[in-house]
Amino acid sequence: MKFMMFVCTDTEPDTDPDAAPDIEQWVAERDARGQRLEGSVLAPPSGATTVRVRGGELLLSDGPFAETKEVIVGFDILECADLDEAVEVARAHPMAYGGRIELRPFADLD
């Protein structure tokens, strides 16, 4: 199963920042196991462009559409046997300690 893993900030990080694993090690291990298909850090929300079409008119705005304290700072596309495996992959990510991770399966459109 493929999962989109959103890597997000959080207003309530773990109180022990030293507990978080090393990101380079996490990436290397997931890549070696074939669990991480792709991933990247994203530019800050100030670099976002929101695209909408209303009444046939293109509306562009700078930055995110919604004001929020939590932001998506990166993503990874995972290939895992099931949700349990994806949770274990996410649990080992450093941002599970300092931020939060959202896992979302890709929809099966067949």
PDB file of N, CA and C in Angstrom:
ATOM      1  N   MET A   1       0.838  -1.180   0.000  1.00  0.00           N
ATOM      2  CA  MET A   1       0.000   0.000   0.000  1.00  0.00           C
ATOM      3  C   MET A   1       0.878   1.237   0.000  1.00  0.00           C
ATOM      4  N   LYS A   2       0.425   2.241  -0.735  1.00  0.00           N
ATOM      5  CA  LYS A   2       1.146   3.516  -0.735  1.00  0.00           C
ATOM      6  C   LYS A   2       0.462   4.478   0.226  1.00  0.00           C
ATOM      7  N   PHE A   3       1.300   5.202   0.955  1.00  0.00           N
ATOM      8  CA  PHE A   3       0.834   6.213   1.902  1.00  0.00           C
ATOM      9  C   PHE A   3       1.549   7.523   1.644  1.00  0.00           C
ATOM     10  N   MET A   4       0.810   8.616   1.750  1.00  0.00           N
ATOM     11  CA  MET A   4       1.424   9.942   1.792  1.00  0.00           C
ATOM     12  C   MET A   4       1.648  10.234   3.264  1.00  0.00           C
ATOM     13  N   MET A   5       2.866  10.578   3.609  1.00  0.00           N
ATOM     14  CA  MET A   5       3.192  10.921   4.982  1.00  0.00           C
ATOM     15  C   MET A   5       3.486  12.415   5.014  1.00  0.00           C
ATOM     16  N   PHE A   6       2.577  13.175   5.616  1.00  0.00           N
ATOM     17  CA  PHE A   6       2.777  14.608   5.781  1.00  0.00           C
ATOM     18  C   PHE A   6       3.568  14.836   7.059  1.00  0.00           C
ATOM     19  N   VAL A   7       4.646  15.579   6.963  1.00  0.00           N
ATOM     20  CA  VAL A   7       5.497  15.907   8.103  1.00  0.00           C
ATOM     21  C   VAL A   7       5.148  17.340   8.510  1.00  0.00           C
ATOM     22  N   CYS A   8       4.643  17.514   9.729  1.00  0.00           N
ATOM     23  CA  CYS A   8       4.090  18.796  10.155  1.00  0.00           C
ATOM     24  C   CYS A   8       4.723  19.278  11.458  1.00  0.00           C
ATOM     25  N   THR A   9       4.675  20.587  11.644  1.00  0.00           N
ATOM     26  CA  THR A   9       5.062  21.149  12.929  1.00  0.00           C
ATOM     27  C   THR A   9       3.918  20.932  13.908  1.00  0.00           C
ATOM     28  N   ASP A  10       4.177  21.179  15.172  1.00  0.00           N
ATOM     29  CA  ASP A  10       3.158  21.013  16.206  1.00  0.00           C
ATOM     30  C   ASP A  10       3.439  22.024  17.308  1.00  0.00           C
ATOM     31  N   THR A  11       2.401  22.507  17.931  1.00  0.00           N
ATOM     32  CA  THR A  11       2.574  23.482  19.012  1.00  0.00           C
ATOM     33  C   THR A  11       2.954  22.814  20.326  1.00  0.00           C
ATOM     34  N   GLU A  12       2.920  21.476  20.380  1.00  0.00           N
ATOM     35  CA  GLU A  12       3.254  20.755  21.609  1.00  0.00           C
ATOM     36  C   GLU A  12       4.284  19.663  21.338  1.00  0.00           C
ATOM     37  N   PRO A  13       5.546  20.045  21.085  1.00  0.00           N
ATOM     38  CA  PRO A  13       6.578  19.036  20.820  1.00  0.00           C
ATOM     39  C   PRO A  13       6.936  18.248  22.081  1.00  0.00           C
ATOM     40  N   ASP A  14       7.619  17.128  21.879  1.00  0.00           N
ATOM     41  CA  ASP A  14       8.130  16.333  22.989  1.00  0.00           C
ATOM     42  C   ASP A  14       9.040  17.218  23.836  1.00  0.00           C
ATOM     43  N   THR A  15       9.003  17.044  25.131  1.00  0.00           N
ATOM     44  CA  THR A  15       9.822  17.868  26.021  1.00  0.00           C
ATOM     45  C   THR A  15      11.285  17.450  26.032  1.00  0.00           C
ATOM     46  N   ASP A  16      11.606  16.299  25.432  1.00  0.00           N
ATOM     47  CA  ASP A  16      12.990  15.829  25.363  1.00  0.00           C
ATOM     48  C   ASP A  16      13.438  15.779  23.907  1.00  0.00           C
ATOM     49  N   PRO A  17      13.949  16.901  23.368  1.00  0.00           N
ATOM     50  CA  PRO A  17      14.334  16.926  21.954  1.00  0.00           C
ATOM     51  C   PRO A  17      15.477  15.969  21.622  1.00  0.00           C
ATOM     52  N   ASP A  18      16.246  15.545  22.624  1.00  0.00           N
ATOM     53  CA  ASP A  18      17.347  14.613  22.373  1.00  0.00           C
ATOM     54  C   ASP A  18      16.852  13.201  22.079  1.00  0.00           C
ATOM     55  N   ALA A  19      15.569  12.924  22.345  1.00  0.00           N
ATOM     56  CA  ALA A  19      15.013  11.588  22.108  1.00  0.00           C
ATOM     57  C   ALA A  19      14.775  11.322  20.620  1.00  0.00           C
ATOM     58  N   ALA A  20      14.686  12.367  19.809  1.00  0.00           N
ATOM     59  CA  ALA A  20      14.388  12.210  18.385  1.00  0.00           C
ATOM     60  C   ALA A  20      15.556  11.568  17.654  1.00  0.00           C
ATOM     61  N   PRO A  21      15.261  10.608  16.777  1.00  0.00           N
ATOM     62  CA  PRO A  21      16.330   9.979  15.989  1.00  0.00           C
ATOM     63  C   PRO A  21      16.902  10.933  14.938  1.00  0.00           C
ATOM     64  N   ASP A  22      18.008  10.547  14.347  1.00  0.00           N
ATOM     65  CA  ASP A  22      18.684  11.328  13.323  1.00  0.00           C
ATOM     66  C   ASP A  22      17.948  11.180  11.988  1.00  0.00           C
ATOM     67  N   ILE A  23      17.667  12.294  11.321  1.00  0.00           N
ATOM     68  CA  ILE A  23      16.902  12.255  10.074  1.00  0.00           C
ATOM     69  C   ILE A  23      17.661  11.549   8.953  1.00  0.00           C
ATOM     70  N   GLU A  24      18.969  11.758   8.851  1.00  0.00           N
ATOM     71  CA  GLU A  24      19.730  11.086   7.792  1.00  0.00           C
ATOM     72  C   GLU A  24      19.684   9.567   7.957  1.00  0.00           C
ATOM     73  N   GLN A  25      19.753   9.113   9.201  1.00  0.00           N
ATOM     74  CA  GLN A  25      19.676   7.676   9.464  1.00  0.00           C
ATOM     75  C   GLN A  25      18.284   7.154   9.117  1.00  0.00           C
ATOM     76  N   TRP A  26      17.240   7.907   9.473  1.00  0.00           N
ATOM     77  CA  TRP A  26      15.872   7.498   9.157  1.00  0.00           C
ATOM     78  C   TRP A  26      15.700   7.350   7.645  1.00  0.00           C
ATOM     79  N   VAL A  27      16.164   8.348   6.883  1.00  0.00           N
ATOM     80  CA  VAL A  27      16.041   8.316   5.420  1.00  0.00           C
ATOM     81  C   VAL A  27      16.813   7.123   4.853  1.00  0.00           C
ATOM     82  N   ALA A  28      18.054   6.934   5.288  1.00  0.00           N
ATOM     83  CA  ALA A  28      18.878   5.833   4.771  1.00  0.00           C
ATOM     84  C   ALA A  28      18.239   4.475   5.038  1.00  0.00           C
ATOM     85  N   GLU A  29      17.712   4.279   6.239  1.00  0.00           N
ATOM     86  CA  GLU A  29      17.085   2.997   6.582  1.00  0.00           C
ATOM     87  C   GLU A  29      15.824   2.756   5.756  1.00  0.00           C
ATOM     88  N   ARG A  30      14.978   3.763   5.615  1.00  0.00           N
ATOM     89  CA  ARG A  30      13.726   3.604   4.852  1.00  0.00           C
ATOM     90  C   ARG A  30      14.016   3.396   3.376  1.00  0.00           C
ATOM     91  N   ASP A  31      15.016   4.110   2.839  1.00  0.00           N
ATOM     92  CA  ASP A  31      15.385   3.927   1.436  1.00  0.00           C
ATOM     93  C   ASP A  31      15.924   2.515   1.204  1.00  0.00           C
ATOM     94  N   ALA A  32      16.768   2.034   2.111  1.00  0.00           N
ATOM     95  CA  ALA A  32      17.352   0.700   1.967  1.00  0.00           C
ATOM     96  C   ALA A  32      16.286  -0.396   2.027  1.00  0.00           C
ATOM     97  N   ARG A  33      15.244  -0.184   2.807  1.00  0.00           N
ATOM     98  CA  ARG A  33      14.158  -1.170   2.930  1.00  0.00           C
ATOM     99  C   ARG A  33      13.105  -1.032   1.836  1.00  0.00           C
ATOM    100  N   GLY A  34      13.220  -0.002   1.018  1.00  0.00           N
ATOM    101  CA  GLY A  34      12.236   0.229  -0.030  1.00  0.00           C
ATOM    102  C   GLY A  34      10.918   0.779   0.488  1.00  0.00           C
ATOM    103  N   GLN A  35      10.916   1.298   1.702  1.00  0.00           N
ATOM    104  CA  GLN A  35       9.689   1.839   2.296  1.00  0.00           C
ATOM    105  C   GLN A  35       9.456   3.293   1.902  1.00  0.00           C
ATOM    106  N   ARG A  36      10.502   4.008   1.600  1.00  0.00           N
ATOM    107  CA  ARG A  36      10.394   5.433   1.238  1.00  0.00           C
ATOM    108  C   ARG A  36      10.657   5.558  -0.249  1.00  0.00           C
ATOM    109  N   LEU A  37       9.631   5.939  -1.002  1.00  0.00           N
ATOM    110  CA  LEU A  37       9.753   6.057  -2.447  1.00  0.00           C
ATOM    111  C   LEU A  37      10.251   7.429  -2.870  1.00  0.00           C
ATOM    112  N   GLU A  38       9.844   8.442  -2.121  1.00  0.00           N
ATOM    113  CA  GLU A  38      10.231   9.810  -2.424  1.00  0.00           C
ATOM    114  C   GLU A  38       9.926  10.667  -1.208  1.00  0.00           C
ATOM    115  N   GLY A  39      10.638  11.765  -1.071  1.00  0.00           N
ATOM    116  CA  GLY A  39      10.365  12.681   0.022  1.00  0.00           C
ATOM    117  C   GLY A  39      11.175  13.942  -0.125  1.00  0.00           C
ATOM    118  N   SER A  40      10.707  14.997   0.548  1.00  0.00           N
ATOM    119  CA  SER A  40      11.414  16.264   0.463  1.00  0.00           C
ATOM    120  C   SER A  40      10.942  17.199   1.563  1.00  0.00           C
ATOM    121  N   VAL A  41      11.793  18.155   1.867  1.00  0.00           N
ATOM    122  CA  VAL A  41      11.434  19.263   2.734  1.00  0.00           C
ATOM    123  C   VAL A  41      10.765  20.298   1.841  1.00  0.00           C
ATOM    124  N   LEU A  42       9.765  21.001   2.375  1.00  0.00           N
ATOM    125  CA  LEU A  42       9.057  22.021   1.614  1.00  0.00           C
ATOM    126  C   LEU A  42       9.514  23.423   2.024  1.00  0.00           C
ATOM    127  N   ALA A  43       9.369  24.364   1.113  1.00  0.00           N
ATOM    128  CA  ALA A  43       9.652  25.770   1.429  1.00  0.00           C
ATOM    129  C   ALA A  43       8.632  26.232   2.470  1.00  0.00           C
ATOM    130  N   PRO A  44       8.919  27.319   3.193  1.00  0.00           N
ATOM    131  CA  PRO A  44       7.986  27.800   4.209  1.00  0.00           C
ATOM    132  C   PRO A  44       6.644  28.216   3.600  1.00  0.00           C
ATOM    133  N   PRO A  45       5.595  28.260   4.427  1.00  0.00           N
ATOM    134  CA  PRO A  45       4.267  28.641   3.932  1.00  0.00           C
ATOM    135  C   PRO A  45       4.236  30.007   3.240  1.00  0.00           C
ATOM    136  N   SER A  46       5.163  30.889   3.592  1.00  0.00           N
ATOM    137  CA  SER A  46       5.202  32.205   2.950  1.00  0.00           C
ATOM    138  C   SER A  46       5.476  32.093   1.449  1.00  0.00           C
ATOM    139  N   GLY A  47       6.025  30.973   1.011  1.00  0.00           N
ATOM    140  CA  GLY A  47       6.296  30.757  -0.409  1.00  0.00           C
ATOM    141  C   GLY A  47       5.162  30.072  -1.145  1.00  0.00           C
ATOM    142  N   ALA A  48       4.067  29.788  -0.445  1.00  0.00           N
ATOM    143  CA  ALA A  48       2.940  29.074  -1.058  1.00  0.00           C
ATOM    144  C   ALA A  48       2.106  30.001  -1.930  1.00  0.00           C
ATOM    145  N   THR A  49       1.466  29.419  -2.913  1.00  0.00           N
ATOM    146  CA  THR A  49       0.469  30.103  -3.731  1.00  0.00           C
ATOM    147  C   THR A  49      -0.796  29.271  -3.688  1.00  0.00           C
ATOM    148  N   THR A  50      -1.901  29.884  -3.335  1.00  0.00           N
ATOM    149  CA  THR A  50      -3.194  29.207  -3.305  1.00  0.00           C
ATOM    150  C   THR A  50      -3.918  29.498  -4.617  1.00  0.00           C
ATOM    151  N   VAL A  51      -4.403  28.432  -5.257  1.00  0.00           N
ATOM    152  CA  VAL A  51      -5.088  28.537  -6.540  1.00  0.00           C
ATOM    153  C   VAL A  51      -6.547  28.141  -6.357  1.00  0.00           C
ATOM    154  N   ARG A  52      -7.448  29.019  -6.792  1.00  0.00           N
ATOM    155  CA  ARG A  52      -8.890  28.739  -6.761  1.00  0.00           C
ATOM    156  C   ARG A  52      -9.507  29.243  -8.056  1.00  0.00           C
ATOM    157  N   VAL A  53     -10.593  28.606  -8.464  1.00  0.00           N
ATOM    158  CA  VAL A  53     -11.387  29.099  -9.580  1.00  0.00           C
ATOM    159  C   VAL A  53     -12.804  29.274  -9.063  1.00  0.00           C
ATOM    160  N   ARG A  54     -13.331  30.474  -9.175  1.00  0.00           N
ATOM    161  CA  ARG A  54     -14.690  30.793  -8.729  1.00  0.00           C
ATOM    162  C   ARG A  54     -15.386  31.550  -9.846  1.00  0.00           C
ATOM    163  N   GLY A  55     -16.529  31.025 -10.266  1.00  0.00           N
ATOM    164  CA  GLY A  55     -17.270  31.660 -11.355  1.00  0.00           C
ATOM    165  C   GLY A  55     -16.455  31.756 -12.625  1.00  0.00           C
ATOM    166  N   GLY A  56     -15.579  30.766 -12.855  1.00  0.00           N
ATOM    167  CA  GLY A  56     -14.733  30.761 -14.040  1.00  0.00           C
ATOM    168  C   GLY A  56     -13.525  31.679 -13.959  1.00  0.00           C
ATOM    169  N   GLU A  57     -13.357  32.387 -12.844  1.00  0.00           N
ATOM    170  CA  GLU A  57     -12.241  33.317 -12.686  1.00  0.00           C
ATOM    171  C   GLU A  57     -11.138  32.698 -11.837  1.00  0.00           C
ATOM    172  N   LEU A  58      -9.904  32.826 -12.306  1.00  0.00           N
ATOM    173  CA  LEU A  58      -8.735  32.346 -11.576  1.00  0.00           C
ATOM    174  C   LEU A  58      -8.412  33.315 -10.454  1.00  0.00           C
ATOM    175  N   LEU A  59      -8.327  32.795  -9.233  1.00  0.00           N
ATOM    176  CA  LEU A  59      -7.983  33.599  -8.063  1.00  0.00           C
ATOM    177  C   LEU A  59      -6.703  33.043  -7.459  1.00  0.00           C
ATOM    178  N   LEU A  60      -5.681  33.867  -7.391  1.00  0.00           N
ATOM    179  CA  LEU A  60      -4.399  33.465  -6.793  1.00  0.00           C
ATOM    180  C   LEU A  60      -4.174  34.296  -5.546  1.00  0.00           C
ATOM    181  N   SER A  61      -3.639  33.650  -4.520  1.00  0.00           N
ATOM    182  CA  SER A  61      -3.252  34.399  -3.320  1.00  0.00           C
ATOM    183  C   SER A  61      -1.940  33.845  -2.808  1.00  0.00           C
ATOM    184  N   ASP A  62      -1.157  34.717  -2.205  1.00  0.00           N
ATOM    185  CA  ASP A  62       0.126  34.316  -1.630  1.00  0.00           C
ATOM    186  C   ASP A  62      -0.105  33.643  -0.294  1.00  0.00           C
ATOM    187  N   GLY A  63       0.754  32.677  -0.014  1.00  0.00           N
ATOM    188  CA  GLY A  63       0.699  32.000   1.274  1.00  0.00           C
ATOM    189  C   GLY A  63      -0.435  31.004   1.365  1.00  0.00           C
ATOM    190  N   PRO A  64      -0.522  30.336   2.498  1.00  0.00           N
ATOM    191  CA  PRO A  64      -1.574  29.324   2.666  1.00  0.00           C
ATOM    192  C   PRO A  64      -2.946  29.976   2.778  1.00  0.00           C
ATOM    193  N   PHE A  65      -3.969  29.231   2.398  1.00  0.00           N
ATOM    194  CA  PHE A  65      -5.336  29.739   2.460  1.00  0.00           C
ATOM    195  C   PHE A  65      -5.792  29.901   3.898  1.00  0.00           C
ATOM    196  N   ALA A  66      -5.484  28.936   4.745  1.00  0.00           N
ATOM    197  CA  ALA A  66      -5.925  28.975   6.146  1.00  0.00           C
ATOM    198  C   ALA A  66      -4.773  29.409   7.050  1.00  0.00           C
ATOM    199  N   GLU A  67      -5.085  30.201   8.044  1.00  0.00           N
ATOM    200  CA  GLU A  67      -4.101  30.572   9.058  1.00  0.00           C
ATOM    201  C   GLU A  67      -4.066  29.462  10.108  1.00  0.00           C
ATOM    202  N   THR A  68      -2.908  28.908  10.346  1.00  0.00           N
ATOM    203  CA  THR A  68      -2.768  27.835  11.319  1.00  0.00           C
ATOM    204  C   THR A  68      -1.365  27.883  11.908  1.00  0.00           C
ATOM    205  N   LYS A  69      -1.229  27.411  13.128  1.00  0.00           N
ATOM    206  CA  LYS A  69       0.092  27.365  13.755  1.00  0.00           C
ATOM    207  C   LYS A  69       0.873  26.149  13.289  1.00  0.00           C
ATOM    208  N   GLU A  70       0.157  25.062  12.950  1.00  0.00           N
ATOM    209  CA  GLU A  70       0.806  23.870  12.432  1.00  0.00           C
ATOM    210  C   GLU A  70       0.890  23.979  10.910  1.00  0.00           C
ATOM    211  N   VAL A  71       2.047  23.658  10.361  1.00  0.00           N
ATOM    212  CA  VAL A  71       2.231  23.712   8.916  1.00  0.00           C
ATOM    213  C   VAL A  71       2.901  22.435   8.432  1.00  0.00           C
ATOM    214  N   ILE A  72       2.652  22.096   7.176  1.00  0.00           N
ATOM    215  CA  ILE A  72       3.322  20.960   6.548  1.00  0.00           C
ATOM    216  C   ILE A  72       4.710  21.428   6.135  1.00  0.00           C
ATOM    217  N   VAL A  73       5.746  20.765   6.641  1.00  0.00           N
ATOM    218  CA  VAL A  73       7.116  21.166   6.349  1.00  0.00           C
ATOM    219  C   VAL A  73       7.828  20.181   5.423  1.00  0.00           C
ATOM    220  N   GLY A  74       7.181  19.046   5.156  1.00  0.00           N
ATOM    221  CA  GLY A  74       7.780  18.059   4.277  1.00  0.00           C
ATOM    222  C   GLY A  74       6.811  16.925   4.018  1.00  0.00           C
ATOM    223  N   PHE A  75       7.249  16.003   3.181  1.00  0.00           N
ATOM    224  CA  PHE A  75       6.425  14.843   2.864  1.00  0.00           C
ATOM    225  C   PHE A  75       7.311  13.667   2.488  1.00  0.00           C
ATOM    226  N   ASP A  76       6.736  12.493   2.603  1.00  0.00           N
ATOM    227  CA  ASP A  76       7.363  11.278   2.106  1.00  0.00           C
ATOM    228  C   ASP A  76       6.257  10.406   1.531  1.00  0.00           C
ATOM    229  N   ILE A  77       6.552   9.732   0.438  1.00  0.00           N
ATOM    230  CA  ILE A  77       5.643   8.737  -0.107  1.00  0.00           C
ATOM    231  C   ILE A  77       6.193   7.386   0.311  1.00  0.00           C
ATOM    232  N   LEU A  78       5.366   6.638   1.016  1.00  0.00           N
ATOM    233  CA  LEU A  78       5.788   5.353   1.578  1.00  0.00           C
ATOM    234  C   LEU A  78       5.145   4.195   0.837  1.00  0.00           C
ATOM    235  N   GLU A  79       5.850   3.088   0.783  1.00  0.00           N
ATOM    236  CA  GLU A  79       5.305   1.822   0.290  1.00  0.00           C
ATOM    237  C   GLU A  79       5.415   0.851   1.455  1.00  0.00           C
ATOM    238  N   CYS A  80       4.266   0.486   2.021  1.00  0.00           N
ATOM    239  CA  CYS A  80       4.238  -0.381   3.197  1.00  0.00           C
ATOM    240  C   CYS A  80       3.207  -1.485   2.992  1.00  0.00           C
ATOM    241  N   ALA A  81       3.368  -2.568   3.720  1.00  0.00           N
ATOM    242  CA  ALA A  81       2.433  -3.692   3.604  1.00  0.00           C
ATOM    243  C   ALA A  81       1.031  -3.291   4.048  1.00  0.00           C
ATOM    244  N   ASP A  82       0.962  -2.447   5.084  1.00  0.00           N
ATOM    245  CA  ASP A  82      -0.338  -2.062   5.635  1.00  0.00           C
ATOM    246  C   ASP A  82      -0.154  -0.839   6.533  1.00  0.00           C
ATOM    247  N   LEU A  83      -1.244  -0.383   7.132  1.00  0.00           N
ATOM    248  CA  LEU A  83      -1.197   0.788   8.003  1.00  0.00           C
ATOM    249  C   LEU A  83      -0.277   0.566   9.196  1.00  0.00           C
ATOM    250  N   ASP A  84      -0.272  -0.636   9.759  1.00  0.00           N
ATOM    251  CA  ASP A  84       0.588  -0.912  10.913  1.00  0.00           C
ATOM    252  C   ASP A  84       2.056  -0.653  10.583  1.00  0.00           C
ATOM    253  N   GLU A  85       2.494  -1.101   9.411  1.00  0.00           N
ATOM    254  CA  GLU A  85       3.882  -0.873   9.010  1.00  0.00           C
ATOM    255  C   GLU A  85       4.133   0.617   8.785  1.00  0.00           C
ATOM    256  N   ALA A  86       3.176   1.312   8.165  1.00  0.00           N
ATOM    257  CA  ALA A  86       3.326   2.754   7.940  1.00  0.00           C
ATOM    258  C   ALA A  86       3.424   3.508   9.266  1.00  0.00           C
ATOM    259  N   VAL A  87       2.657   3.081  10.256  1.00  0.00           N
ATOM    260  CA  VAL A  87       2.725   3.703  11.585  1.00  0.00           C
ATOM    261  C   VAL A  87       4.105   3.500  12.194  1.00  0.00           C
ATOM    262  N   GLU A  88       4.678   2.322  12.053  1.00  0.00           N
ATOM    263  CA  GLU A  88       6.021   2.066  12.588  1.00  0.00           C
ATOM    264  C   GLU A  88       7.065   2.933  11.887  1.00  0.00           C
ATOM    265  N   VAL A  89       6.922   3.124  10.581  1.00  0.00           N
ATOM    266  CA  VAL A  89       7.833   3.998   9.832  1.00  0.00           C
ATOM    267  C   VAL A  89       7.701   5.436  10.341  1.00  0.00           C
ATOM    268  N   ALA A  90       6.463   5.905  10.482  1.00  0.00           N
ATOM    269  CA  ALA A  90       6.214   7.270  10.950  1.00  0.00           C
ATOM    270  C   ALA A  90       6.683   7.470  12.387  1.00  0.00           C
ATOM    271  N   ARG A  91       6.489   6.470  13.194  1.00  0.00           N
ATOM    272  CA  ARG A  91       6.884   6.543  14.614  1.00  0.00           C
ATOM    273  C   ARG A  91       8.382   6.784  14.771  1.00  0.00           C
ATOM    274  N   ALA A  92       9.160   6.268  13.842  1.00  0.00           N
ATOM    275  CA  ALA A  92      10.620   6.389  13.916  1.00  0.00           C
ATOM    276  C   ALA A  92      11.136   7.701  13.328  1.00  0.00           C
ATOM    277  N   HIS A  93      10.260   8.498  12.716  1.00  0.00           N
ATOM    278  CA  HIS A  93      10.675   9.762  12.096  1.00  0.00           C
ATOM    279  C   HIS A  93      10.925  10.813  13.183  1.00  0.00           C
ATOM    280  N   PRO A  94      11.982  11.613  13.063  1.00  0.00           N
ATOM    281  CA  PRO A  94      12.277  12.639  14.078  1.00  0.00           C
ATOM    282  C   PRO A  94      11.122  13.608  14.335  1.00  0.00           C
ATOM    283  N   MET A  95      10.356  13.943  13.321  1.00  0.00           N
ATOM    284  CA  MET A  95       9.275  14.899  13.526  1.00  0.00           C
ATOM    285  C   MET A  95       8.085  14.295  14.273  1.00  0.00           C
ATOM    286  N   ALA A  96       8.077  12.996  14.486  1.00  0.00           N
ATOM    287  CA  ALA A  96       7.056  12.418  15.356  1.00  0.00           C
ATOM    288  C   ALA A  96       7.286  12.888  16.789  1.00  0.00           C
ATOM    289  N   TYR A  97       8.511  13.312  17.081  1.00  0.00           N
ATOM    290  CA  TYR A  97       8.875  13.806  18.417  1.00  0.00           C
ATOM    291  C   TYR A  97       8.693  15.320  18.515  1.00  0.00           C
ATOM    292  N   GLY A  98       9.139  16.043  17.497  1.00  0.00           N
ATOM    293  CA  GLY A  98       9.105  17.496  17.551  1.00  0.00           C
ATOM    294  C   GLY A  98       7.911  18.110  16.839  1.00  0.00           C
ATOM    295  N   GLY A  99       7.194  17.309  16.098  1.00  0.00           N
ATOM    296  CA  GLY A  99       6.049  17.795  15.340  1.00  0.00           C
ATOM    297  C   GLY A  99       4.954  16.758  15.363  1.00  0.00           C
ATOM    298  N   ARG A 100       4.375  16.514  14.200  1.00  0.00           N
ATOM    299  CA  ARG A 100       3.385  15.448  14.081  1.00  0.00           C
ATOM    300  C   ARG A 100       3.437  14.909  12.672  1.00  0.00           C
ATOM    301  N   ILE A 101       2.997  13.688  12.522  1.00  0.00           N
ATOM    302  CA  ILE A 101       3.003  12.997  11.243  1.00  0.00           C
ATOM    303  C   ILE A 101       1.566  12.615  10.908  1.00  0.00           C
ATOM    304  N   GLU A 102       1.160  12.896   9.683  1.00  0.00           N
ATOM    305  CA  GLU A 102      -0.151  12.446   9.220  1.00  0.00           C
ATOM    306  C   GLU A 102       0.061  11.432   8.115  1.00  0.00           C
ATOM    307  N   LEU A 103      -0.554  10.274   8.271  1.00  0.00           N
ATOM    308  CA  LEU A 103      -0.494   9.229   7.250  1.00  0.00           C
ATOM    309  C   LEU A 103      -1.830   9.178   6.535  1.00  0.00           C
ATOM    310  N   ARG A 104      -1.755   9.149   5.215  1.00  0.00           N
ATOM    311  CA  ARG A 104      -2.987   9.053   4.447  1.00  0.00           C
ATOM    312  C   ARG A 104      -2.762   8.075   3.289  1.00  0.00           C
ATOM    313  N   PRO A 105      -3.586   7.017   3.215  1.00  0.00           N
ATOM    314  CA  PRO A 105      -3.410   6.073   2.107  1.00  0.00           C
ATOM    315  C   PRO A 105      -3.826   6.714   0.789  1.00  0.00           C
ATOM    316  N   PHE A 106      -3.181   6.301  -0.290  1.00  0.00           N
ATOM    317  CA  PHE A 106      -3.602   6.732  -1.607  1.00  0.00           C
ATOM    318  C   PHE A 106      -4.912   6.024  -1.921  1.00  0.00           C
ATOM    319  N   ALA A 107      -5.834   6.722  -2.546  1.00  0.00           N
ATOM    320  CA  ALA A 107      -7.133   6.145  -2.896  1.00  0.00           C
ATOM    321  C   ALA A 107      -6.958   5.131  -4.022  1.00  0.00           C
ATOM    322  N   ASP A 108      -7.694   4.054  -3.932  1.00  0.00           N
ATOM    323  CA  ASP A 108      -7.730   3.051  -4.999  1.00  0.00           C
ATOM    324  C   ASP A 108      -8.880   3.421  -5.925  1.00  0.00           C
ATOM    325  N   LEU A 109      -8.569   3.940  -7.084  1.00  0.00           N
ATOM    326  CA  LEU A 109      -9.603   4.431  -7.999  1.00  0.00           C
ATOM    327  C   LEU A 109     -10.131   3.362  -8.955  1.00  0.00           C
ATOM    328  N   ASP A 110      -9.655   2.142  -8.796  1.00  0.00           N
ATOM    329  CA  ASP A 110     -10.148   1.048  -9.670  1.00  0.00           C
ATOM    330  C   ASP A 110     -11.459   0.504  -9.182  1.00  0.00           C
TER     331      ASP A 110
END
